[in-house]
Structure formats: C-alpha cells, structure tokens
Amino acid sequence: AASGFDTPADFASAAVDIGLRLLAGEKPDLALKFFKAAETSLEAIVKGTPDSQAVEKAGYLQLLSIVRGKYLNNPVQAKADIERAITLRPQEKSITRLRDLIGREHGDVFKDKPTKN
C-alpha cells in the first residue's frame, strides 16, 4: 500500500497508538489530529465491511466507539457505534462491557440501554 501500512485497519491502529503517545507527552492538540485520522479511516473500514463479517465489523465499531467516546468527545456517535457492534454480535460480552465502560464516562448519553431491533 502507498501509505506504508498493509491495511487501513493497520493505519487506524497506528494513528490511535500515536495519539495515545502524544497525550502521554502532553500534546493534546497534535493527538487530536491522529484520533481524527483514525476516525476517518475506521469510518471507511466500517462502511466497506459487510455485516456478514460480523466479528471484524464489530471489532472496528468497538475501536471507533473508543476513539469517539474517549478521545474525540463524541459520546452520541460512540453510543451509536457500540450499539451497532452489539447488534452484530449480541452474545459477545466484551462489547457490552465496553459499552458500560464508555457509558460511565458519558452517563447522560448512555443512560438508556440499547433498543432491540
């Protein structure tokens, strides 16, 4: 790939890692740019991954939810992402635990449990 990354998921993961390192180095403005780049990449990955690949798509949605909920202060979209992951893999307990974890930080948005489709 021209970017030097094997897949867009590799790029997203690297961008999150760099963002975390920048936060640790007390450079939040620069970290934000990497988290936004990860968000853009993950949005494209989720859009291009069919629901029939539920394990992969739910994983991308979980990472997207973390990026949006913890680092981009977008709890409404983070909730929507995690609920889509739960819909894809309703028996996967780690996804509901992640929802609860992010929900503790944004209680007002996560107050209601996901609706059944």
PDB file of N, CA and C in Angstrom:
ATOM      1  N   ALA A   1       0.841  -1.183   0.000  1.00  0.00           N
ATOM      2  CA  ALA A   1       0.000   0.000   0.000  1.00  0.00           C
ATOM      3  C   ALA A   1       0.884   1.244   0.000  1.00  0.00           C
ATOM      4  N   ALA A   2       0.402   2.281  -0.630  1.00  0.00           N
ATOM      5  CA  ALA A   2       1.175   3.510  -0.771  1.00  0.00           C
ATOM      6  C   ALA A   2       1.452   4.179   0.570  1.00  0.00           C
ATOM      7  N   SER A   3       0.595   3.982   1.549  1.00  0.00           N
ATOM      8  CA  SER A   3       0.764   4.617   2.849  1.00  0.00           C
ATOM      9  C   SER A   3       1.864   3.970   3.679  1.00  0.00           C
ATOM     10  N   GLY A   4       2.298   2.781   3.287  1.00  0.00           N
ATOM     11  CA  GLY A   4       3.280   2.053   4.083  1.00  0.00           C
ATOM     12  C   GLY A   4       2.625   1.126   5.090  1.00  0.00           C
ATOM     13  N   PHE A   5       1.306   1.103   5.144  1.00  0.00           N
ATOM     14  CA  PHE A   5       0.552   0.223   6.027  1.00  0.00           C
ATOM     15  C   PHE A   5      -0.081  -0.866   5.186  1.00  0.00           C
ATOM     16  N   ASP A   6      -0.142  -2.072   5.731  1.00  0.00           N
ATOM     17  CA  ASP A   6      -0.708  -3.187   4.984  1.00  0.00           C
ATOM     18  C   ASP A   6      -2.199  -3.012   4.727  1.00  0.00           C
ATOM     19  N   THR A   7      -2.910  -2.481   5.703  1.00  0.00           N
ATOM     20  CA  THR A   7      -4.352  -2.312   5.557  1.00  0.00           C
ATOM     21  C   THR A   7      -4.786  -0.989   6.198  1.00  0.00           C
ATOM     22  N   PRO A   8      -5.958  -0.504   5.832  1.00  0.00           N
ATOM     23  CA  PRO A   8      -6.475   0.686   6.520  1.00  0.00           C
ATOM     24  C   PRO A   8      -6.624   0.471   8.032  1.00  0.00           C
ATOM     25  N   ALA A   9      -6.896  -0.769   8.437  1.00  0.00           N
ATOM     26  CA  ALA A   9      -7.011  -1.056   9.869  1.00  0.00           C
ATOM     27  C   ALA A   9      -5.667  -0.869  10.562  1.00  0.00           C
ATOM     28  N   ASP A  10      -4.576  -1.237   9.873  1.00  0.00           N
ATOM     29  CA  ASP A  10      -3.242  -1.008  10.436  1.00  0.00           C
ATOM     30  C   ASP A  10      -3.002   0.482  10.631  1.00  0.00           C
ATOM     31  N   PHE A  11      -3.403   1.271   9.642  1.00  0.00           N
ATOM     32  CA  PHE A  11      -3.242   2.723   9.752  1.00  0.00           C
ATOM     33  C   PHE A  11      -4.038   3.262  10.931  1.00  0.00           C
ATOM     34  N   ALA A  12      -5.294   2.846  11.057  1.00  0.00           N
ATOM     35  CA  ALA A  12      -6.148   3.330  12.149  1.00  0.00           C
ATOM     36  C   ALA A  12      -5.547   2.974  13.506  1.00  0.00           C
ATOM     37  N   SER A  13      -5.078   1.754  13.621  1.00  0.00           N
ATOM     38  CA  SER A  13      -4.475   1.309  14.878  1.00  0.00           C
ATOM     39  C   SER A  13      -3.221   2.123  15.198  1.00  0.00           C
ATOM     40  N   ALA A  14      -2.389   2.367  14.191  1.00  0.00           N
ATOM     41  CA  ALA A  14      -1.175   3.163  14.392  1.00  0.00           C
ATOM     42  C   ALA A  14      -1.525   4.598  14.771  1.00  0.00           C
ATOM     43  N   ALA A  15      -2.549   5.158  14.131  1.00  0.00           N
ATOM     44  CA  ALA A  15      -2.950   6.529  14.441  1.00  0.00           C
ATOM     45  C   ALA A  15      -3.430   6.642  15.885  1.00  0.00           C
ATOM     46  N   VAL A  16      -4.188   5.654  16.358  1.00  0.00           N
ATOM     47  CA  VAL A  16      -4.635   5.651  17.751  1.00  0.00           C
ATOM     48  C   VAL A  16      -3.426   5.557  18.678  1.00  0.00           C
ATOM     49  N   ASP A  17      -2.494   4.666  18.359  1.00  0.00           N
ATOM     50  CA  ASP A  17      -1.299   4.497  19.189  1.00  0.00           C
ATOM     51  C   ASP A  17      -0.501   5.798  19.271  1.00  0.00           C
ATOM     52  N   ILE A  18      -0.300   6.455  18.141  1.00  0.00           N
ATOM     53  CA  ILE A  18       0.432   7.721  18.138  1.00  0.00           C
ATOM     54  C   ILE A  18      -0.330   8.769  18.938  1.00  0.00           C
ATOM     55  N   GLY A  19      -1.650   8.810  18.770  1.00  0.00           N
ATOM     56  CA  GLY A  19      -2.465   9.754  19.542  1.00  0.00           C
ATOM     57  C   GLY A  19      -2.304   9.545  21.040  1.00  0.00           C
ATOM     58  N   LEU A  20      -2.293   8.290  21.463  1.00  0.00           N
ATOM     59  CA  LEU A  20      -2.116   7.988  22.887  1.00  0.00           C
ATOM     60  C   LEU A  20      -0.741   8.429  23.383  1.00  0.00           C
ATOM     61  N   ARG A  21       0.271   8.204  22.570  1.00  0.00           N
ATOM     62  CA  ARG A  21       1.626   8.612  22.947  1.00  0.00           C
ATOM     63  C   ARG A  21       1.726  10.134  23.047  1.00  0.00           C
ATOM     64  N   LEU A  22       1.062  10.824  22.142  1.00  0.00           N
ATOM     65  CA  LEU A  22       1.067  12.286  22.191  1.00  0.00           C
ATOM     66  C   LEU A  22       0.323  12.805  23.418  1.00  0.00           C
ATOM     67  N   LEU A  23      -0.775  12.135  23.773  1.00  0.00           N
ATOM     68  CA  LEU A  23      -1.480  12.520  25.006  1.00  0.00           C
ATOM     69  C   LEU A  23      -0.570  12.342  26.217  1.00  0.00           C
ATOM     70  N   ALA A  24       0.145  11.214  26.250  1.00  0.00           N
ATOM     71  CA  ALA A  24       1.067  10.953  27.354  1.00  0.00           C
ATOM     72  C   ALA A  24       2.175  12.004  27.388  1.00  0.00           C
ATOM     73  N   GLY A  25       2.544  12.514  26.216  1.00  0.00           N
ATOM     74  CA  GLY A  25       3.564  13.555  26.122  1.00  0.00           C
ATOM     75  C   GLY A  25       2.991  14.948  26.270  1.00  0.00           C
ATOM     76  N   GLU A  26       1.750  15.023  26.695  1.00  0.00           N
ATOM     77  CA  GLU A  26       1.056  16.301  26.942  1.00  0.00           C
ATOM     78  C   GLU A  26       1.002  17.190  25.696  1.00  0.00           C
ATOM     79  N   LYS A  27       0.629  16.564  24.581  1.00  0.00           N
ATOM     80  CA  LYS A  27       0.441  17.286  23.321  1.00  0.00           C
ATOM     81  C   LYS A  27      -0.952  16.979  22.779  1.00  0.00           C
ATOM     82  N   PRO A  28      -1.994  17.421  23.501  1.00  0.00           N
ATOM     83  CA  PRO A  28      -3.363  17.037  23.125  1.00  0.00           C
ATOM     84  C   PRO A  28      -3.816  17.553  21.770  1.00  0.00           C
ATOM     85  N   ASP A  29      -3.361  18.729  21.361  1.00  0.00           N
ATOM     86  CA  ASP A  29      -3.796  19.258  20.062  1.00  0.00           C
ATOM     87  C   ASP A  29      -3.287  18.398  18.915  1.00  0.00           C
ATOM     88  N   LEU A  30      -2.047  17.965  19.021  1.00  0.00           N
ATOM     89  CA  LEU A  30      -1.483  17.096  17.995  1.00  0.00           C
ATOM     90  C   LEU A  30      -2.122  15.704  18.057  1.00  0.00           C
ATOM     91  N   ALA A  31      -2.367  15.212  19.264  1.00  0.00           N
ATOM     92  CA  ALA A  31      -3.027  13.905  19.431  1.00  0.00           C
ATOM     93  C   ALA A  31      -4.394  13.902  18.755  1.00  0.00           C
ATOM     94  N   LEU A  32      -5.120  15.001  18.886  1.00  0.00           N
ATOM     95  CA  LEU A  32      -6.456  15.112  18.298  1.00  0.00           C
ATOM     96  C   LEU A  32      -6.421  14.865  16.792  1.00  0.00           C
ATOM     97  N   LYS A  33      -5.389  15.360  16.131  1.00  0.00           N
ATOM     98  CA  LYS A  33      -5.269  15.154  14.680  1.00  0.00           C
ATOM     99  C   LYS A  33      -5.159  13.662  14.351  1.00  0.00           C
ATOM    100  N   PHE A  34      -4.423  12.912  15.165  1.00  0.00           N
ATOM    101  CA  PHE A  34      -4.277  11.484  14.921  1.00  0.00           C
ATOM    102  C   PHE A  34      -5.565  10.726  15.227  1.00  0.00           C
ATOM    103  N   PHE A  35      -6.258  11.133  16.288  1.00  0.00           N
ATOM    104  CA  PHE A  35      -7.535  10.482  16.597  1.00  0.00           C
ATOM    105  C   PHE A  35      -8.560  10.753  15.488  1.00  0.00           C
ATOM    106  N   LYS A  36      -8.552  11.964  14.939  1.00  0.00           N
ATOM    107  CA  LYS A  36      -9.464  12.269  13.830  1.00  0.00           C
ATOM    108  C   LYS A  36      -9.104  11.457  12.586  1.00  0.00           C
ATOM    109  N   ALA A  37      -7.806  11.273  12.341  1.00  0.00           N
ATOM    110  CA  ALA A  37      -7.379  10.447  11.200  1.00  0.00           C
ATOM    111  C   ALA A  37      -7.818   9.002  11.400  1.00  0.00           C
ATOM    112  N   ALA A  38      -7.700   8.510  12.637  1.00  0.00           N
ATOM    113  CA  ALA A  38      -8.156   7.145  12.941  1.00  0.00           C
ATOM    114  C   ALA A  38      -9.661   7.040  12.725  1.00  0.00           C
ATOM    115  N   GLU A  39     -10.401   8.048  13.162  1.00  0.00           N
ATOM    116  CA  GLU A  39     -11.855   8.050  12.987  1.00  0.00           C
ATOM    117  C   GLU A  39     -12.217   7.969  11.506  1.00  0.00           C
ATOM    118  N   THR A  40     -11.585   8.779  10.686  1.00  0.00           N
ATOM    119  CA  THR A  40     -11.865   8.787   9.252  1.00  0.00           C
ATOM    120  C   THR A  40     -11.575   7.424   8.629  1.00  0.00           C
ATOM    121  N   SER A  41     -10.441   6.847   8.984  1.00  0.00           N
ATOM    122  CA  SER A  41     -10.075   5.538   8.457  1.00  0.00           C
ATOM    123  C   SER A  41     -11.062   4.462   8.905  1.00  0.00           C
ATOM    124  N   LEU A  42     -11.412   4.480  10.191  1.00  0.00           N
ATOM    125  CA  LEU A  42     -12.347   3.478  10.716  1.00  0.00           C
ATOM    126  C   LEU A  42     -13.736   3.619  10.111  1.00  0.00           C
ATOM    127  N   GLU A  43     -14.180   4.848   9.870  1.00  0.00           N
ATOM    128  CA  GLU A  43     -15.479   5.050   9.223  1.00  0.00           C
ATOM    129  C   GLU A  43     -15.496   4.366   7.856  1.00  0.00           C
ATOM    130  N   ALA A  44     -14.409   4.537   7.092  1.00  0.00           N
ATOM    131  CA  ALA A  44     -14.330   3.923   5.761  1.00  0.00           C
ATOM    132  C   ALA A  44     -14.288   2.403   5.868  1.00  0.00           C
ATOM    133  N   ILE A  45     -13.558   1.895   6.848  1.00  0.00           N
ATOM    134  CA  ILE A  45     -13.469   0.449   7.035  1.00  0.00           C
ATOM    135  C   ILE A  45     -14.840  -0.130   7.380  1.00  0.00           C
ATOM    136  N   VAL A  46     -15.536   0.510   8.316  1.00  0.00           N
ATOM    137  CA  VAL A  46     -16.867   0.028   8.718  1.00  0.00           C
ATOM    138  C   VAL A  46     -17.810   0.047   7.522  1.00  0.00           C
ATOM    139  N   LYS A  47     -17.767   1.121   6.763  1.00  0.00           N
ATOM    140  CA  LYS A  47     -18.645   1.234   5.593  1.00  0.00           C
ATOM    141  C   LYS A  47     -18.358   0.133   4.573  1.00  0.00           C
ATOM    142  N   GLY A  48     -17.089  -0.235   4.427  1.00  0.00           N
ATOM    143  CA  GLY A  48     -16.707  -1.234   3.437  1.00  0.00           C
ATOM    144  C   GLY A  48     -16.745  -2.676   3.915  1.00  0.00           C
ATOM    145  N   THR A  49     -17.049  -2.880   5.189  1.00  0.00           N
ATOM    146  CA  THR A  49     -17.094  -4.239   5.726  1.00  0.00           C
ATOM    147  C   THR A  49     -18.539  -4.708   5.798  1.00  0.00           C
ATOM    148  N   PRO A  50     -18.888  -5.785   5.101  1.00  0.00           N
ATOM    149  CA  PRO A  50     -20.275  -6.255   5.127  1.00  0.00           C
ATOM    150  C   PRO A  50     -20.659  -6.805   6.503  1.00  0.00           C
ATOM    151  N   ASP A  51     -21.937  -6.702   6.827  1.00  0.00           N
ATOM    152  CA  ASP A  51     -22.445  -7.227   8.099  1.00  0.00           C
ATOM    153  C   ASP A  51     -22.197  -8.726   8.226  1.00  0.00           C
ATOM    154  N   SER A  52     -22.048  -9.416   7.090  1.00  0.00           N
ATOM    155  CA  SER A  52     -21.782 -10.859   7.143  1.00  0.00           C
ATOM    156  C   SER A  52     -20.416 -11.158   7.771  1.00  0.00           C
ATOM    157  N   GLN A  53     -19.540 -10.163   7.826  1.00  0.00           N
ATOM    158  CA  GLN A  53     -18.252 -10.289   8.518  1.00  0.00           C
ATOM    159  C   GLN A  53     -18.399  -9.653   9.903  1.00  0.00           C
ATOM    160  N   ALA A  54     -19.315 -10.215  10.680  1.00  0.00           N
ATOM    161  CA  ALA A  54     -19.729  -9.599  11.947  1.00  0.00           C
ATOM    162  C   ALA A  54     -18.589  -9.448  12.941  1.00  0.00           C
ATOM    163  N   VAL A  55     -17.717 -10.440  13.030  1.00  0.00           N
ATOM    164  CA  VAL A  55     -16.617 -10.360  14.005  1.00  0.00           C
ATOM    165  C   VAL A  55     -15.720  -9.167  13.684  1.00  0.00           C
ATOM    166  N   GLU A  56     -15.316  -9.051  12.426  1.00  0.00           N
ATOM    167  CA  GLU A  56     -14.435  -7.962  12.021  1.00  0.00           C
ATOM    168  C   GLU A  56     -15.132  -6.610  12.164  1.00  0.00           C
ATOM    169  N   LYS A  57     -16.355  -6.526  11.641  1.00  0.00           N
ATOM    170  CA  LYS A  57     -17.059  -5.247  11.656  1.00  0.00           C
ATOM    171  C   LYS A  57     -17.327  -4.786  13.086  1.00  0.00           C
ATOM    172  N   ALA A  58     -17.708  -5.698  13.959  1.00  0.00           N
ATOM    173  CA  ALA A  58     -17.948  -5.331  15.355  1.00  0.00           C
ATOM    174  C   ALA A  58     -16.659  -4.839  16.009  1.00  0.00           C
ATOM    175  N   GLY A  59     -15.537  -5.449  15.670  1.00  0.00           N
ATOM    176  CA  GLY A  59     -14.253  -5.005  16.211  1.00  0.00           C
ATOM    177  C   GLY A  59     -13.908  -3.588  15.773  1.00  0.00           C
ATOM    178  N   TYR A  60     -14.132  -3.293  14.508  1.00  0.00           N
ATOM    179  CA  TYR A  60     -13.874  -1.936  14.008  1.00  0.00           C
ATOM    180  C   TYR A  60     -14.807  -0.933  14.682  1.00  0.00           C
ATOM    181  N   LEU A  61     -16.060  -1.322  14.846  1.00  0.00           N
ATOM    182  CA  LEU A  61     -17.022  -0.435  15.518  1.00  0.00           C
ATOM    183  C   LEU A  61     -16.639  -0.186  16.976  1.00  0.00           C
ATOM    184  N   GLN A  62     -16.104  -1.200  17.631  1.00  0.00           N
ATOM    185  CA  GLN A  62     -15.658  -1.022  19.014  1.00  0.00           C
ATOM    186  C   GLN A  62     -14.522  -0.006  19.086  1.00  0.00           C
ATOM    187  N   LEU A  63     -13.539  -0.145  18.201  1.00  0.00           N
ATOM    188  CA  LEU A  63     -12.424   0.800  18.206  1.00  0.00           C
ATOM    189  C   LEU A  63     -12.908   2.201  17.861  1.00  0.00           C
ATOM    190  N   LEU A  64     -13.801   2.299  16.902  1.00  0.00           N
ATOM    191  CA  LEU A  64     -14.364   3.598  16.533  1.00  0.00           C
ATOM    192  C   LEU A  64     -15.100   4.217  17.718  1.00  0.00           C
ATOM    193  N   SER A  65     -15.829   3.403  18.455  1.00  0.00           N
ATOM    194  CA  SER A  65     -16.540   3.886  19.639  1.00  0.00           C
ATOM    195  C   SER A  65     -15.568   4.409  20.699  1.00  0.00           C
ATOM    196  N   ILE A  66     -14.470   3.704  20.886  1.00  0.00           N
ATOM    197  CA  ILE A  66     -13.460   4.155  21.853  1.00  0.00           C
ATOM    198  C   ILE A  66     -12.869   5.490  21.414  1.00  0.00           C
ATOM    199  N   VAL A  67     -12.495   5.588  20.155  1.00  0.00           N
ATOM    200  CA  VAL A  67     -11.904   6.825  19.641  1.00  0.00           C
ATOM    201  C   VAL A  67     -12.868   7.987  19.832  1.00  0.00           C
ATOM    202  N   ARG A  68     -14.121   7.774  19.459  1.00  0.00           N
ATOM    203  CA  ARG A  68     -15.097   8.858  19.561  1.00  0.00           C
ATOM    204  C   ARG A  68     -15.490   9.164  21.002  1.00  0.00           C
ATOM    205  N   GLY A  69     -15.655   8.126  21.806  1.00  0.00           N
ATOM    206  CA  GLY A  69     -16.129   8.333  23.181  1.00  0.00           C
ATOM    207  C   GLY A  69     -15.074   8.820  24.137  1.00  0.00           C
ATOM    208  N   LYS A  70     -13.857   8.323  23.991  1.00  0.00           N
ATOM    209  CA  LYS A  70     -12.796   8.673  24.943  1.00  0.00           C
ATOM    210  C   LYS A  70     -11.918   9.829  24.480  1.00  0.00           C
ATOM    211  N   TYR A  71     -11.711   9.976  23.174  1.00  0.00           N
ATOM    212  CA  TYR A  71     -10.721  10.937  22.709  1.00  0.00           C
ATOM    213  C   TYR A  71     -11.273  12.085  21.870  1.00  0.00           C
ATOM    214  N   LEU A  72     -12.412  11.888  21.220  1.00  0.00           N
ATOM    215  CA  LEU A  72     -12.980  12.948  20.392  1.00  0.00           C
ATOM    216  C   LEU A  72     -14.211  13.594  21.035  1.00  0.00           C
ATOM    217  N   ASN A  73     -14.553  13.166  22.227  1.00  0.00           N
ATOM    218  CA  ASN A  73     -15.690  13.724  22.972  1.00  0.00           C
ATOM    219  C   ASN A  73     -16.961  13.754  22.126  1.00  0.00           C
ATOM    220  N   ASN A  74     -17.258  12.618  21.524  1.00  0.00           N
ATOM    221  CA  ASN A  74     -18.469  12.476  20.718  1.00  0.00           C
ATOM    222  C   ASN A  74     -19.244  11.265  21.235  1.00  0.00           C
ATOM    223  N   PRO A  75     -19.802  11.384  22.449  1.00  0.00           N
ATOM    224  CA  PRO A  75     -20.464  10.227  23.051  1.00  0.00           C
ATOM    225  C   PRO A  75     -21.711   9.764  22.308  1.00  0.00           C
ATOM    226  N   VAL A  76     -22.408  10.664  21.651  1.00  0.00           N
ATOM    227  CA  VAL A  76     -23.618  10.262  20.924  1.00  0.00           C
ATOM    228  C   VAL A  76     -23.254   9.293  19.801  1.00  0.00           C
ATOM    229  N   GLN A  77     -22.231   9.632  19.038  1.00  0.00           N
ATOM    230  CA  GLN A  77     -21.817   8.751  17.950  1.00  0.00           C
ATOM    231  C   GLN A  77     -21.152   7.493  18.491  1.00  0.00           C
ATOM    232  N   ALA A  78     -20.406   7.627  19.598  1.00  0.00           N
ATOM    233  CA  ALA A  78     -19.778   6.452  20.218  1.00  0.00           C
ATOM    234  C   ALA A  78     -20.848   5.450  20.637  1.00  0.00           C
ATOM    235  N   LYS A  79     -21.939   5.950  21.189  1.00  0.00           N
ATOM    236  CA  LYS A  79     -23.036   5.070  21.597  1.00  0.00           C
ATOM    237  C   LYS A  79     -23.642   4.365  20.382  1.00  0.00           C
ATOM    238  N   ALA A  80     -23.845   5.107  19.311  1.00  0.00           N
ATOM    239  CA  ALA A  80     -24.403   4.502  18.094  1.00  0.00           C
ATOM    240  C   ALA A  80     -23.467   3.417  17.555  1.00  0.00           C
ATOM    241  N   ASP A  81     -22.167   3.672  17.592  1.00  0.00           N
ATOM    242  CA  ASP A  81     -21.197   2.688  17.106  1.00  0.00           C
ATOM    243  C   ASP A  81     -21.241   1.416  17.945  1.00  0.00           C
ATOM    244  N   ILE A  82     -21.221   1.564  19.244  1.00  0.00           N
ATOM    245  CA  ILE A  82     -21.186   0.387  20.119  1.00  0.00           C
ATOM    246  C   ILE A  82     -22.502  -0.384  20.034  1.00  0.00           C
ATOM    247  N   GLU A  83     -23.606   0.324  19.859  1.00  0.00           N
ATOM    248  CA  GLU A  83     -24.889  -0.371  19.704  1.00  0.00           C
ATOM    249  C   GLU A  83     -24.940  -1.145  18.388  1.00  0.00           C
ATOM    250  N   ARG A  84     -24.315  -0.617  17.333  1.00  0.00           N
ATOM    251  CA  ARG A  84     -24.238  -1.367  16.070  1.00  0.00           C
ATOM    252  C   ARG A  84     -23.407  -2.627  16.273  1.00  0.00           C
ATOM    253  N   ALA A  85     -22.326  -2.513  17.041  1.00  0.00           N
ATOM    254  CA  ALA A  85     -21.489  -3.691  17.323  1.00  0.00           C
ATOM    255  C   ALA A  85     -22.277  -4.730  18.115  1.00  0.00           C
ATOM    256  N   ILE A  86     -23.058  -4.279  19.084  1.00  0.00           N
ATOM    257  CA  ILE A  86     -23.879  -5.193  19.887  1.00  0.00           C
ATOM    258  C   ILE A  86     -24.917  -5.884  19.002  1.00  0.00           C
ATOM    259  N   THR A  87     -25.488  -5.145  18.070  1.00  0.00           N
ATOM    260  CA  THR A  87     -26.465  -5.733  17.149  1.00  0.00           C
ATOM    261  C   THR A  87     -25.819  -6.829  16.300  1.00  0.00           C
ATOM    262  N   LEU A  88     -24.595  -6.605  15.880  1.00  0.00           N
ATOM    263  CA  LEU A  88     -23.882  -7.596  15.067  1.00  0.00           C
ATOM    264  C   LEU A  88     -23.487  -8.829  15.875  1.00  0.00           C
ATOM    265  N   ARG A  89     -23.143  -8.631  17.148  1.00  0.00           N
ATOM    266  CA  ARG A  89     -22.660  -9.738  17.991  1.00  0.00           C
ATOM    267  C   ARG A  89     -23.305  -9.664  19.363  1.00  0.00           C
ATOM    268  N   PRO A  90     -24.605  -9.910  19.446  1.00  0.00           N
ATOM    269  CA  PRO A  90     -25.338  -9.722  20.707  1.00  0.00           C
ATOM    270  C   PRO A  90     -24.868 -10.614  21.859  1.00  0.00           C
ATOM    271  N   GLN A  91     -24.239 -11.726  21.568  1.00  0.00           N
ATOM    272  CA  GLN A  91     -23.796 -12.637  22.632  1.00  0.00           C
ATOM    273  C   GLN A  91     -22.391 -12.303  23.149  1.00  0.00           C
ATOM    274  N   GLU A  92     -21.724 -11.357  22.528  1.00  0.00           N
ATOM    275  CA  GLU A  92     -20.340 -11.031  22.889  1.00  0.00           C
ATOM    276  C   GLU A  92     -20.306 -10.081  24.087  1.00  0.00           C
ATOM    277  N   LYS A  93     -19.952 -10.632  25.232  1.00  0.00           N
ATOM    278  CA  LYS A  93     -19.984  -9.880  26.498  1.00  0.00           C
ATOM    279  C   LYS A  93     -18.977  -8.729  26.535  1.00  0.00           C
ATOM    280  N   SER A  94     -17.840  -8.880  25.846  1.00  0.00           N
ATOM    281  CA  SER A  94     -16.832  -7.820  25.888  1.00  0.00           C
ATOM    282  C   SER A  94     -17.361  -6.526  25.268  1.00  0.00           C
ATOM    283  N   ILE A  95     -18.269  -6.639  24.322  1.00  0.00           N
ATOM    284  CA  ILE A  95     -18.829  -5.431  23.698  1.00  0.00           C
ATOM    285  C   ILE A  95     -19.743  -4.717  24.686  1.00  0.00           C
ATOM    286  N   THR A  96     -20.562  -5.458  25.410  1.00  0.00           N
ATOM    287  CA  THR A  96     -21.437  -4.807  26.381  1.00  0.00           C
ATOM    288  C   THR A  96     -20.619  -4.236  27.538  1.00  0.00           C
ATOM    289  N   ARG A  97     -19.509  -4.896  27.884  1.00  0.00           N
ATOM    290  CA  ARG A  97     -18.632  -4.333  28.927  1.00  0.00           C
ATOM    291  C   ARG A  97     -18.018  -3.021  28.453  1.00  0.00           C
ATOM    292  N   LEU A  98     -17.619  -2.970  27.193  1.00  0.00           N
ATOM    293  CA  LEU A  98     -17.071  -1.729  26.637  1.00  0.00           C
ATOM    294  C   LEU A  98     -18.131  -0.632  26.661  1.00  0.00           C
ATOM    295  N   ARG A  99     -19.355  -0.999  26.304  1.00  0.00           N
ATOM    296  CA  ARG A  99     -20.447  -0.023  26.339  1.00  0.00           C
ATOM    297  C   ARG A  99     -20.608   0.534  27.749  1.00  0.00           C
ATOM    298  N   ASP A 100     -20.562  -0.322  28.748  1.00  0.00           N
ATOM    299  CA  ASP A 100     -20.698   0.118  30.137  1.00  0.00           C
ATOM    300  C   ASP A 100     -19.529   1.015  30.554  1.00  0.00           C
ATOM    301  N   LEU A 101     -18.322   0.672  30.109  1.00  0.00           N
ATOM    302  CA  LEU A 101     -17.136   1.456  30.453  1.00  0.00           C
ATOM    303  C   LEU A 101     -17.230   2.869  29.876  1.00  0.00           C
ATOM    304  N   ILE A 102     -17.534   2.966  28.587  1.00  0.00           N
ATOM    305  CA  ILE A 102     -17.664   4.279  27.961  1.00  0.00           C
ATOM    306  C   ILE A 102     -18.865   5.014  28.551  1.00  0.00           C
ATOM    307  N   GLY A 103     -19.910   4.259  28.858  1.00  0.00           N
ATOM    308  CA  GLY A 103     -21.110   4.850  29.446  1.00  0.00           C
ATOM    309  C   GLY A 103     -20.865   5.502  30.794  1.00  0.00           C
ATOM    310  N   ARG A 104     -19.936   4.958  31.564  1.00  0.00           N
ATOM    311  CA  ARG A 104     -19.614   5.563  32.861  1.00  0.00           C
ATOM    312  C   ARG A 104     -19.039   6.960  32.691  1.00  0.00           C
ATOM    313  N   GLU A 105     -18.340   7.185  31.596  1.00  0.00           N
ATOM    314  CA  GLU A 105     -17.752   8.498  31.337  1.00  0.00           C
ATOM    315  C   GLU A 105     -18.766   9.475  30.750  1.00  0.00           C
ATOM    316  N   HIS A 106     -19.802   8.946  30.128  1.00  0.00           N
ATOM    317  CA  HIS A 106     -20.814   9.777  29.460  1.00  0.00           C
ATOM    318  C   HIS A 106     -22.210   9.292  29.849  1.00  0.00           C
ATOM    319  N   GLY A 107     -22.467   9.243  31.140  1.00  0.00           N
ATOM    320  CA  GLY A 107     -23.698   8.655  31.662  1.00  0.00           C
ATOM    321  C   GLY A 107     -24.974   9.201  31.072  1.00  0.00           C
ATOM    322  N   ASP A 108     -25.023  10.513  30.836  1.00  0.00           N
ATOM    323  CA  ASP A 108     -26.243  11.111  30.314  1.00  0.00           C
ATOM    324  C   ASP A 108     -26.617  10.550  28.951  1.00  0.00           C
ATOM    325  N   VAL A 109     -25.646  10.315  28.093  1.00  0.00           N
ATOM    326  CA  VAL A 109     -25.905   9.802  26.754  1.00  0.00           C
ATOM    327  C   VAL A 109     -26.189   8.307  26.781  1.00  0.00           C
ATOM    328  N   PHE A 110     -25.507   7.590  27.663  1.00  0.00           N
ATOM    329  CA  PHE A 110     -25.603   6.135  27.699  1.00  0.00           C
ATOM    330  C   PHE A 110     -26.641   5.636  28.699  1.00  0.00           C
ATOM    331  N   LYS A 111     -27.416   6.534  29.245  1.00  0.00           N
ATOM    332  CA  LYS A 111     -28.377   6.180  30.296  1.00  0.00           C
ATOM    333  C   LYS A 111     -29.304   5.047  29.874  1.00  0.00           C
ATOM    334  N   ASP A 112     -29.855   5.132  28.696  1.00  0.00           N
ATOM    335  CA  ASP A 112     -30.783   4.111  28.216  1.00  0.00           C
ATOM    336  C   ASP A 112     -30.017   2.950  27.611  1.00  0.00           C
ATOM    337  N   LYS A 113     -30.503   1.739  27.880  1.00  0.00           N
ATOM    338  CA  LYS A 113     -29.913   0.548  27.285  1.00  0.00           C
ATOM    339  C   LYS A 113     -30.252   0.540  25.802  1.00  0.00           C
ATOM    340  N   PRO A 114     -29.466  -0.180  25.000  1.00  0.00           N
ATOM    341  CA  PRO A 114     -29.762  -0.224  23.567  1.00  0.00           C
ATOM    342  C   PRO A 114     -31.138  -0.816  23.313  1.00  0.00           C
ATOM    343  N   THR A 115     -31.759  -0.321  22.283  1.00  0.00           N
ATOM    344  CA  THR A 115     -33.077  -0.818  21.915  1.00  0.00           C
ATOM    345  C   THR A 115     -32.921  -2.065  21.063  1.00  0.00           C
ATOM    346  N   LYS A 116     -33.868  -2.970  21.167  1.00  0.00           N
ATOM    347  CA  LYS A 116     -33.869  -4.179  20.340  1.00  0.00           C
ATOM    348  C   LYS A 116     -34.453  -3.831  18.986  1.00  0.00           C
ATOM    349  N   ASN A 117     -33.836  -4.346  17.942  1.00  0.00           N
ATOM    350  CA  ASN A 117     -34.352  -4.081  16.590  1.00  0.00           C
ATOM    351  C   ASN A 117     -35.349  -5.124  16.193  1.00  0.00           C
TER     352      ASN A 117
END
